[in-house]
């Protein structure tokens, strides 16, 4: 058996706030994850035409695992969809 760590190829973005579910469900390939996902659930889907692994951490916090080369694009895509009412959804890298 051979194990290889490929985590260096991914970046983690965190989306959190009262509008996180709304923003993520707007253009996700599997809308059940942000709409009804419970803490601890994962789902592989597409968001903004980018493949991501979406992890529900809490009711208002999601982690997105995305290919490092697409992280800047996805971060900008998320920022452009932030609801006008406030800066409630803040994508941050971890």
PDB file of N, CA and C in Angstrom:
ATOM      1  N   UNK A   1       0.840  -1.167   0.000  1.00  0.00           N
ATOM      2  CA  UNK A   1       0.000   0.000   0.000  1.00  0.00           C
ATOM      3  C   UNK A   1       0.887   1.233   0.000  1.00  0.00           C
ATOM      4  N   UNK A   2       0.442   2.237  -0.740  1.00  0.00           N
ATOM      5  CA  UNK A   2       1.174   3.494  -0.776  1.00  0.00           C
ATOM      6  C   UNK A   2       0.177   4.623  -0.565  1.00  0.00           C
ATOM      7  N   UNK A   3       0.465   5.511   0.356  1.00  0.00           N
ATOM      8  CA  UNK A   3      -0.373   6.671   0.628  1.00  0.00           C
ATOM      9  C   UNK A   3       0.368   7.923   0.225  1.00  0.00           C
ATOM     10  N   UNK A   4      -0.324   8.812  -0.457  1.00  0.00           N
ATOM     11  CA  UNK A   4       0.281  10.063  -0.898  1.00  0.00           C
ATOM     12  C   UNK A   4      -0.597  11.223  -0.452  1.00  0.00           C
ATOM     13  N   UNK A   5       0.012  12.183   0.224  1.00  0.00           N
ATOM     14  CA  UNK A   5      -0.707  13.374   0.661  1.00  0.00           C
ATOM     15  C   UNK A   5      -0.833  14.323  -0.525  1.00  0.00           C
ATOM     16  N   UNK A   6      -2.070  14.585  -0.946  1.00  0.00           N
ATOM     17  CA  UNK A   6      -2.303  15.496  -2.057  1.00  0.00           C
ATOM     18  C   UNK A   6      -2.964  16.789  -1.583  1.00  0.00           C
ATOM     19  N   UNK A   7      -2.985  17.019  -0.294  1.00  0.00           N
ATOM     20  CA  UNK A   7      -3.678  18.188   0.246  1.00  0.00           C
ATOM     21  C   UNK A   7      -3.068  19.505  -0.217  1.00  0.00           C
ATOM     22  N   UNK A   8      -1.812  19.492  -0.625  1.00  0.00           N
ATOM     23  CA  UNK A   8      -1.181  20.723  -1.097  1.00  0.00           C
ATOM     24  C   UNK A   8      -1.845  21.229  -2.374  1.00  0.00           C
ATOM     25  N   UNK A   9      -2.614  20.393  -3.024  1.00  0.00           N
ATOM     26  CA  UNK A   9      -3.280  20.797  -4.253  1.00  0.00           C
ATOM     27  C   UNK A   9      -4.596  21.524  -3.989  1.00  0.00           C
ATOM     28  N   UNK A  10      -5.030  21.575  -2.731  1.00  0.00           N
ATOM     29  CA  UNK A  10      -6.315  22.179  -2.394  1.00  0.00           C
ATOM     30  C   UNK A  10      -6.153  23.367  -1.467  1.00  0.00           C
ATOM     31  N   UNK A  11      -7.119  24.271  -1.568  1.00  0.00           N
ATOM     32  CA  UNK A  11      -7.226  25.407  -0.660  1.00  0.00           C
ATOM     33  C   UNK A  11      -8.577  25.296   0.021  1.00  0.00           C
ATOM     34  N   UNK A  12      -8.622  25.706   1.247  1.00  0.00           N
ATOM     35  CA  UNK A  12      -9.856  25.701   2.009  1.00  0.00           C
ATOM     36  C   UNK A  12     -10.373  27.127   2.129  1.00  0.00           C
ATOM     37  N   UNK A  13     -11.614  27.341   1.707  1.00  0.00           N
ATOM     38  CA  UNK A  13     -12.283  28.630   1.883  1.00  0.00           C
ATOM     39  C   UNK A  13     -13.410  28.429   2.878  1.00  0.00           C
ATOM     40  N   UNK A  14     -13.618  29.389   3.738  1.00  0.00           N
ATOM     41  CA  UNK A  14     -14.703  29.305   4.701  1.00  0.00           C
ATOM     42  C   UNK A  14     -15.733  30.376   4.377  1.00  0.00           C
ATOM     43  N   UNK A  15     -16.980  29.959   4.265  1.00  0.00           N
ATOM     44  CA  UNK A  15     -18.092  30.871   4.021  1.00  0.00           C
ATOM     45  C   UNK A  15     -18.964  30.812   5.265  1.00  0.00           C
ATOM     46  N   UNK A  16     -19.157  31.974   5.876  1.00  0.00           N
ATOM     47  CA  UNK A  16     -19.948  31.978   7.096  1.00  0.00           C
ATOM     48  C   UNK A  16     -20.805  33.226   7.183  1.00  0.00           C
ATOM     49  N   UNK A  17     -21.864  33.113   7.933  1.00  0.00           N
ATOM     50  CA  UNK A  17     -22.774  34.231   8.140  1.00  0.00           C
ATOM     51  C   UNK A  17     -24.212  33.808   7.924  1.00  0.00           C
ATOM     52  N   UNK A  18     -25.109  34.708   8.252  1.00  0.00           N
ATOM     53  CA  UNK A  18     -26.542  34.424   8.172  1.00  0.00           C
ATOM     54  C   UNK A  18     -26.987  34.085   6.750  1.00  0.00           C
ATOM     55  N   UNK A  19     -26.323  34.618   5.744  1.00  0.00           N
ATOM     56  CA  UNK A  19     -26.713  34.392   4.352  1.00  0.00           C
ATOM     57  C   UNK A  19     -25.894  33.291   3.669  1.00  0.00           C
ATOM     58  N   UNK A  20     -25.068  32.566   4.397  1.00  0.00           N
ATOM     59  CA  UNK A  20     -24.195  31.558   3.788  1.00  0.00           C
ATOM     60  C   UNK A  20     -24.981  30.509   3.004  1.00  0.00           C
ATOM     61  N   UNK A  21     -26.021  29.973   3.594  1.00  0.00           N
ATOM     62  CA  UNK A  21     -26.809  28.939   2.909  1.00  0.00           C
ATOM     63  C   UNK A  21     -27.450  29.487   1.636  1.00  0.00           C
ATOM     64  N   UNK A  22     -27.966  30.696   1.722  1.00  0.00           N
ATOM     65  CA  UNK A  22     -28.614  31.337   0.566  1.00  0.00           C
ATOM     66  C   UNK A  22     -27.627  31.537  -0.578  1.00  0.00           C
ATOM     67  N   UNK A  23     -26.455  32.045  -0.270  1.00  0.00           N
ATOM     68  CA  UNK A  23     -25.443  32.301  -1.298  1.00  0.00           C
ATOM     69  C   UNK A  23     -24.970  30.996  -1.923  1.00  0.00           C
ATOM     70  N   UNK A  24     -24.686  29.989  -1.111  1.00  0.00           N
ATOM     71  CA  UNK A  24     -24.187  28.722  -1.634  1.00  0.00           C
ATOM     72  C   UNK A  24     -25.246  27.969  -2.430  1.00  0.00           C
ATOM     73  N   UNK A  25     -26.503  28.069  -2.048  1.00  0.00           N
ATOM     74  CA  UNK A  25     -27.568  27.344  -2.753  1.00  0.00           C
ATOM     75  C   UNK A  25     -27.928  27.997  -4.081  1.00  0.00           C
ATOM     76  N   UNK A  26     -27.495  29.235  -4.293  1.00  0.00           N
ATOM     77  CA  UNK A  26     -27.876  29.970  -5.496  1.00  0.00           C
ATOM     78  C   UNK A  26     -27.357  29.336  -6.781  1.00  0.00           C
ATOM     79  N   UNK A  27     -26.184  28.716  -6.748  1.00  0.00           N
ATOM     80  CA  UNK A  27     -25.606  28.182  -7.980  1.00  0.00           C
ATOM     81  C   UNK A  27     -24.803  26.922  -7.714  1.00  0.00           C
ATOM     82  N   UNK A  28     -25.242  26.108  -6.803  1.00  0.00           N
ATOM     83  CA  UNK A  28     -24.513  24.896  -6.494  1.00  0.00           C
ATOM     84  C   UNK A  28     -25.169  23.722  -7.218  1.00  0.00           C
ATOM     85  N   UNK A  29     -24.346  22.776  -7.648  1.00  0.00           N
ATOM     86  CA  UNK A  29     -24.858  21.632  -8.384  1.00  0.00           C
ATOM     87  C   UNK A  29     -25.718  20.695  -7.547  1.00  0.00           C
ATOM     88  N   UNK A  30     -25.505  20.670  -6.248  1.00  0.00           N
ATOM     89  CA  UNK A  30     -26.293  19.830  -5.334  1.00  0.00           C
ATOM     90  C   UNK A  30     -26.849  20.719  -4.231  1.00  0.00           C
ATOM     91  N   UNK A  31     -27.967  21.416  -4.493  1.00  0.00           N
ATOM     92  CA  UNK A  31     -28.458  22.415  -3.549  1.00  0.00           C
ATOM     93  C   UNK A  31     -28.892  21.868  -2.196  1.00  0.00           C
ATOM     94  N   UNK A  32     -29.087  20.565  -2.061  1.00  0.00           N
ATOM     95  CA  UNK A  32     -29.501  20.036  -0.763  1.00  0.00           C
ATOM     96  C   UNK A  32     -28.425  20.249   0.295  1.00  0.00           C
ATOM     97  N   UNK A  33     -27.167  20.306  -0.106  1.00  0.00           N
ATOM     98  CA  UNK A  33     -26.088  20.443   0.882  1.00  0.00           C
ATOM     99  C   UNK A  33     -26.198  21.779   1.620  1.00  0.00           C
ATOM    100  N   UNK A  34     -26.209  22.915   0.917  1.00  0.00           N
ATOM    101  CA  UNK A  34     -26.342  24.162   1.667  1.00  0.00           C
ATOM    102  C   UNK A  34     -27.750  24.402   2.208  1.00  0.00           C
ATOM    103  N   UNK A  35     -28.759  23.845   1.571  1.00  0.00           N
ATOM    104  CA  UNK A  35     -30.121  24.092   2.032  1.00  0.00           C
ATOM    105  C   UNK A  35     -30.479  23.296   3.276  1.00  0.00           C
ATOM    106  N   UNK A  36     -30.128  22.006   3.294  1.00  0.00           N
ATOM    107  CA  UNK A  36     -30.559  21.139   4.391  1.00  0.00           C
ATOM    108  C   UNK A  36     -29.424  20.394   5.077  1.00  0.00           C
ATOM    109  N   UNK A  37     -28.193  20.689   4.676  1.00  0.00           N
ATOM    110  CA  UNK A  37     -27.057  19.979   5.246  1.00  0.00           C
ATOM    111  C   UNK A  37     -26.941  20.188   6.748  1.00  0.00           C
ATOM    112  N   UNK A  38     -26.541  19.139   7.426  1.00  0.00           N
ATOM    113  CA  UNK A  38     -26.339  19.210   8.873  1.00  0.00           C
ATOM    114  C   UNK A  38     -24.851  19.249   9.160  1.00  0.00           C
ATOM    115  N   UNK A  39     -24.471  19.822  10.283  1.00  0.00           N
ATOM    116  CA  UNK A  39     -23.047  19.856  10.646  1.00  0.00           C
ATOM    117  C   UNK A  39     -22.413  18.472  10.541  1.00  0.00           C
ATOM    118  N   UNK A  40     -21.263  18.455   9.887  1.00  0.00           N
ATOM    119  CA  UNK A  40     -20.527  17.213   9.693  1.00  0.00           C
ATOM    120  C   UNK A  40     -20.735  16.589   8.326  1.00  0.00           C
ATOM    121  N   UNK A  41     -21.724  17.037   7.577  1.00  0.00           N
ATOM    122  CA  UNK A  41     -21.982  16.466   6.255  1.00  0.00           C
ATOM    123  C   UNK A  41     -21.081  17.090   5.204  1.00  0.00           C
ATOM    124  N   UNK A  42     -20.668  16.247   4.251  1.00  0.00           N
ATOM    125  CA  UNK A  42     -19.857  16.660   3.110  1.00  0.00           C
ATOM    126  C   UNK A  42     -20.624  16.376   1.836  1.00  0.00           C
ATOM    127  N   UNK A  43     -20.297  17.110   0.795  1.00  0.00           N
ATOM    128  CA  UNK A  43     -20.846  16.809  -0.515  1.00  0.00           C
ATOM    129  C   UNK A  43     -19.910  17.329  -1.584  1.00  0.00           C
ATOM    130  N   UNK A  44     -19.782  16.564  -2.639  1.00  0.00           N
ATOM    131  CA  UNK A  44     -18.966  16.986  -3.775  1.00  0.00           C
ATOM    132  C   UNK A  44     -19.908  17.567  -4.811  1.00  0.00           C
ATOM    133  N   UNK A  45     -19.611  18.774  -5.279  1.00  0.00           N
ATOM    134  CA  UNK A  45     -20.526  19.469  -6.174  1.00  0.00           C
ATOM    135  C   UNK A  45     -19.769  20.487  -7.009  1.00  0.00           C
ATOM    136  N   UNK A  46     -20.509  21.316  -7.737  1.00  0.00           N
ATOM    137  CA  UNK A  46     -19.922  22.412  -8.511  1.00  0.00           C
ATOM    138  C   UNK A  46     -20.518  23.713  -7.997  1.00  0.00           C
ATOM    139  N   UNK A  47     -19.680  24.710  -7.881  1.00  0.00           N
ATOM    140  CA  UNK A  47     -20.097  26.033  -7.426  1.00  0.00           C
ATOM    141  C   UNK A  47     -19.401  27.047  -8.314  1.00  0.00           C
ATOM    142  N   UNK A  48     -20.173  27.876  -9.012  1.00  0.00           N
ATOM    143  CA  UNK A  48     -19.566  28.823  -9.944  1.00  0.00           C
ATOM    144  C   UNK A  48     -18.757  28.125 -11.018  1.00  0.00           C
ATOM    145  N   UNK A  49     -19.211  26.960 -11.459  1.00  0.00           N
ATOM    146  CA  UNK A  49     -18.550  26.140 -12.476  1.00  0.00           C
ATOM    147  C   UNK A  49     -17.222  25.537 -12.008  1.00  0.00           C
ATOM    148  N   UNK A  50     -17.002  25.500 -10.707  1.00  0.00           N
ATOM    149  CA  UNK A  50     -15.775  24.948 -10.138  1.00  0.00           C
ATOM    150  C   UNK A  50     -16.144  23.752  -9.260  1.00  0.00           C
ATOM    151  N   UNK A  51     -15.404  22.648  -9.412  1.00  0.00           N
ATOM    152  CA  UNK A  51     -15.630  21.501  -8.533  1.00  0.00           C
ATOM    153  C   UNK A  51     -15.143  21.822  -7.130  1.00  0.00           C
ATOM    154  N   UNK A  52     -16.007  21.556  -6.152  1.00  0.00           N
ATOM    155  CA  UNK A  52     -15.658  21.793  -4.757  1.00  0.00           C
ATOM    156  C   UNK A  52     -16.161  20.628  -3.906  1.00  0.00           C
ATOM    157  N   UNK A  53     -15.533  20.478  -2.764  1.00  0.00           N
ATOM    158  CA  UNK A  53     -16.075  19.628  -1.711  1.00  0.00           C
ATOM    159  C   UNK A  53     -16.618  20.596  -0.674  1.00  0.00           C
ATOM    160  N   UNK A  54     -17.906  20.497  -0.409  1.00  0.00           N
ATOM    161  CA  UNK A  54     -18.598  21.400   0.494  1.00  0.00           C
ATOM    162  C   UNK A  54     -18.810  20.678   1.824  1.00  0.00           C
ATOM    163  N   UNK A  55     -18.346  21.284   2.903  1.00  0.00           N
ATOM    164  CA  UNK A  55     -18.443  20.684   4.231  1.00  0.00           C
ATOM    165  C   UNK A  55     -19.253  21.623   5.119  1.00  0.00           C
ATOM    166  N   UNK A  56     -20.355  21.134   5.642  1.00  0.00           N
ATOM    167  CA  UNK A  56     -21.177  21.912   6.571  1.00  0.00           C
ATOM    168  C   UNK A  56     -20.568  21.770   7.963  1.00  0.00           C
ATOM    169  N   UNK A  57     -20.048  22.880   8.504  1.00  0.00           N
ATOM    170  CA  UNK A  57     -19.439  22.860   9.834  1.00  0.00           C
ATOM    171  C   UNK A  57     -20.462  23.168  10.921  1.00  0.00           C
ATOM    172  N   UNK A  58     -21.271  24.202  10.702  1.00  0.00           N
ATOM    173  CA  UNK A  58     -22.363  24.567  11.612  1.00  0.00           C
ATOM    174  C   UNK A  58     -23.517  25.065  10.740  1.00  0.00           C
ATOM    175  N   UNK A  59     -24.578  25.532  11.352  1.00  0.00           N
ATOM    176  CA  UNK A  59     -25.726  26.037  10.599  1.00  0.00           C
ATOM    177  C   UNK A  59     -25.364  27.210   9.690  1.00  0.00           C
ATOM    178  N   UNK A  60     -24.360  28.004  10.068  1.00  0.00           N
ATOM    179  CA  UNK A  60     -23.997  29.185   9.292  1.00  0.00           C
ATOM    180  C   UNK A  60     -22.552  29.197   8.817  1.00  0.00           C
ATOM    181  N   UNK A  61     -21.872  28.055   8.899  1.00  0.00           N
ATOM    182  CA  UNK A  61     -20.462  27.995   8.503  1.00  0.00           C
ATOM    183  C   UNK A  61     -20.228  26.788   7.591  1.00  0.00           C
ATOM    184  N   UNK A  62     -19.637  27.072   6.422  1.00  0.00           N
ATOM    185  CA  UNK A  62     -19.310  26.031   5.460  1.00  0.00           C
ATOM    186  C   UNK A  62     -17.844  26.154   5.057  1.00  0.00           C
ATOM    187  N   UNK A  63     -17.213  25.024   4.844  1.00  0.00           N
ATOM    188  CA  UNK A  63     -15.838  24.986   4.335  1.00  0.00           C
ATOM    189  C   UNK A  63     -15.911  24.463   2.909  1.00  0.00           C
ATOM    190  N   UNK A  64     -15.187  25.134   2.018  1.00  0.00           N
ATOM    191  CA  UNK A  64     -15.109  24.710   0.626  1.00  0.00           C
ATOM    192  C   UNK A  64     -13.681  24.266   0.346  1.00  0.00           C
ATOM    193  N   UNK A  65     -13.510  23.061  -0.130  1.00  0.00           N
ATOM    194  CA  UNK A  65     -12.194  22.583  -0.554  1.00  0.00           C
ATOM    195  C   UNK A  65     -12.167  22.683  -2.063  1.00  0.00           C
ATOM    196  N   UNK A  66     -11.217  23.459  -2.566  1.00  0.00           N
ATOM    197  CA  UNK A  66     -11.169  23.764  -3.994  1.00  0.00           C
ATOM    198  C   UNK A  66      -9.732  23.643  -4.484  1.00  0.00           C
ATOM    199  N   UNK A  67      -9.575  23.288  -5.747  1.00  0.00           N
ATOM    200  CA  UNK A  67      -8.255  23.221  -6.355  1.00  0.00           C
ATOM    201  C   UNK A  67      -7.560  24.566  -6.174  1.00  0.00           C
ATOM    202  N   UNK A  68      -6.344  24.533  -5.709  1.00  0.00           N
ATOM    203  CA  UNK A  68      -5.587  25.757  -5.403  1.00  0.00           C
ATOM    204  C   UNK A  68      -5.551  26.730  -6.587  1.00  0.00           C
ATOM    205  N   UNK A  69      -5.462  26.216  -7.800  1.00  0.00           N
ATOM    206  CA  UNK A  69      -5.364  27.089  -8.974  1.00  0.00           C
ATOM    207  C   UNK A  69      -6.672  27.840  -9.260  1.00  0.00           C
ATOM    208  N   UNK A  70      -7.791  27.391  -8.674  1.00  0.00           N
ATOM    209  CA  UNK A  70      -9.088  28.022  -8.910  1.00  0.00           C
ATOM    210  C   UNK A  70      -9.594  28.810  -7.706  1.00  0.00           C
ATOM    211  N   UNK A  71      -8.828  28.839  -6.631  1.00  0.00           N
ATOM    212  CA  UNK A  71      -9.279  29.479  -5.391  1.00  0.00           C
ATOM    213  C   UNK A  71      -9.539  30.972  -5.551  1.00  0.00           C
ATOM    214  N   UNK A  72      -8.664  31.693  -6.251  1.00  0.00           N
ATOM    215  CA  UNK A  72      -8.870  33.129  -6.437  1.00  0.00           C
ATOM    216  C   UNK A  72     -10.151  33.401  -7.221  1.00  0.00           C
ATOM    217  N   UNK A  73     -10.378  32.620  -8.268  1.00  0.00           N
ATOM    218  CA  UNK A  73     -11.593  32.772  -9.054  1.00  0.00           C
ATOM    219  C   UNK A  73     -12.829  32.549  -8.177  1.00  0.00           C
ATOM    220  N   UNK A  74     -12.833  31.446  -7.410  1.00  0.00           N
ATOM    221  CA  UNK A  74     -13.995  31.121  -6.594  1.00  0.00           C
ATOM    222  C   UNK A  74     -14.208  32.166  -5.494  1.00  0.00           C
ATOM    223  N   UNK A  75     -13.142  32.652  -4.918  1.00  0.00           N
ATOM    224  CA  UNK A  75     -13.265  33.694  -3.895  1.00  0.00           C
ATOM    225  C   UNK A  75     -13.919  34.949  -4.481  1.00  0.00           C
ATOM    226  N   UNK A  76     -13.504  35.347  -5.673  1.00  0.00           N
ATOM    227  CA  UNK A  76     -14.116  36.494  -6.338  1.00  0.00           C
ATOM    228  C   UNK A  76     -15.562  36.235  -6.702  1.00  0.00           C
ATOM    229  N   UNK A  77     -15.851  35.017  -7.153  1.00  0.00           N
ATOM    230  CA  UNK A  77     -17.208  34.641  -7.501  1.00  0.00           C
ATOM    231  C   UNK A  77     -18.117  34.747  -6.282  1.00  0.00           C
ATOM    232  N   UNK A  78     -17.653  34.244  -5.147  1.00  0.00           N
ATOM    233  CA  UNK A  78     -18.439  34.321  -3.910  1.00  0.00           C
ATOM    234  C   UNK A  78     -18.642  35.767  -3.472  1.00  0.00           C
ATOM    235  N   UNK A  79     -17.598  36.567  -3.542  1.00  0.00           N
ATOM    236  CA  UNK A  79     -17.699  37.966  -3.126  1.00  0.00           C
ATOM    237  C   UNK A  79     -18.716  38.718  -3.986  1.00  0.00           C
ATOM    238  N   UNK A  80     -18.801  38.387  -5.269  1.00  0.00           N
ATOM    239  CA  UNK A  80     -19.734  39.059  -6.173  1.00  0.00           C
ATOM    240  C   UNK A  80     -21.183  38.691  -5.876  1.00  0.00           C
ATOM    241  N   UNK A  81     -21.404  37.594  -5.192  1.00  0.00           N
ATOM    242  CA  UNK A  81     -22.761  37.145  -4.875  1.00  0.00           C
ATOM    243  C   UNK A  81     -23.178  37.483  -3.460  1.00  0.00           C
ATOM    244  N   UNK A  82     -22.365  38.204  -2.755  1.00  0.00           N
ATOM    245  CA  UNK A  82     -22.688  38.590  -1.389  1.00  0.00           C
ATOM    246  C   UNK A  82     -23.941  39.453  -1.406  1.00  0.00           C
ATOM    247  N   UNK A  83     -24.950  39.108  -0.623  1.00  0.00           N
ATOM    248  CA  UNK A  83     -26.183  39.897  -0.624  1.00  0.00           C
ATOM    249  C   UNK A  83     -25.906  41.360  -0.277  1.00  0.00           C
ATOM    250  N   UNK A  84     -26.668  42.280  -0.859  1.00  0.00           N
ATOM    251  CA  UNK A  84     -26.411  43.705  -0.652  1.00  0.00           C
ATOM    252  C   UNK A  84     -26.656  44.187   0.761  1.00  0.00           C
ATOM    253  N   UNK A  85     -27.365  43.408   1.598  1.00  0.00           N
ATOM    254  CA  UNK A  85     -27.731  43.899   2.924  1.00  0.00           C
ATOM    255  C   UNK A  85     -26.551  44.081   3.867  1.00  0.00           C
ATOM    256  N   UNK A  86     -25.490  43.355   3.683  1.00  0.00           N
ATOM    257  CA  UNK A  86     -24.330  43.524   4.566  1.00  0.00           C
ATOM    258  C   UNK A  86     -23.230  42.569   4.151  1.00  0.00           C
ATOM    259  N   UNK A  87     -22.103  42.711   4.756  1.00  0.00           N
ATOM    260  CA  UNK A  87     -21.002  41.783   4.538  1.00  0.00           C
ATOM    261  C   UNK A  87     -21.187  40.597   5.470  1.00  0.00           C
ATOM    262  N   UNK A  88     -22.247  39.830   5.228  1.00  0.00           N
ATOM    263  CA  UNK A  88     -22.575  38.705   6.088  1.00  0.00           C
ATOM    264  C   UNK A  88     -21.868  37.432   5.667  1.00  0.00           C
ATOM    265  N   UNK A  89     -21.448  37.358   4.437  1.00  0.00           N
ATOM    266  CA  UNK A  89     -20.766  36.163   3.949  1.00  0.00           C
ATOM    267  C   UNK A  89     -19.339  36.553   3.645  1.00  0.00           C
ATOM    268  N   UNK A  90     -18.426  36.000   4.367  1.00  0.00           N
ATOM    269  CA  UNK A  90     -17.015  36.355   4.211  1.00  0.00           C
ATOM    270  C   UNK A  90     -16.202  35.118   3.857  1.00  0.00           C
ATOM    271  N   UNK A  91     -15.810  34.964   2.585  1.00  0.00           N
ATOM    272  CA  UNK A  91     -14.931  33.835   2.272  1.00  0.00           C
ATOM    273  C   UNK A  91     -13.530  34.128   2.795  1.00  0.00           C
ATOM    274  N   UNK A  92     -12.994  33.225   3.575  1.00  0.00           N
ATOM    275  CA  UNK A  92     -11.652  33.387   4.115  1.00  0.00           C
ATOM    276  C   UNK A  92     -10.872  32.108   3.877  1.00  0.00           C
ATOM    277  N   UNK A  93      -9.592  32.248   3.628  1.00  0.00           N
ATOM    278  CA  UNK A  93      -8.736  31.071   3.377  1.00  0.00           C
ATOM    279  C   UNK A  93      -8.219  30.538   4.688  1.00  0.00           C
ATOM    280  N   UNK A  94      -8.131  29.205   4.724  1.00  0.00           N
ATOM    281  CA  UNK A  94      -7.596  28.515   5.905  1.00  0.00           C
ATOM    282  C   UNK A  94      -6.523  27.546   5.496  1.00  0.00           C
TER     283      UNK A  94
END
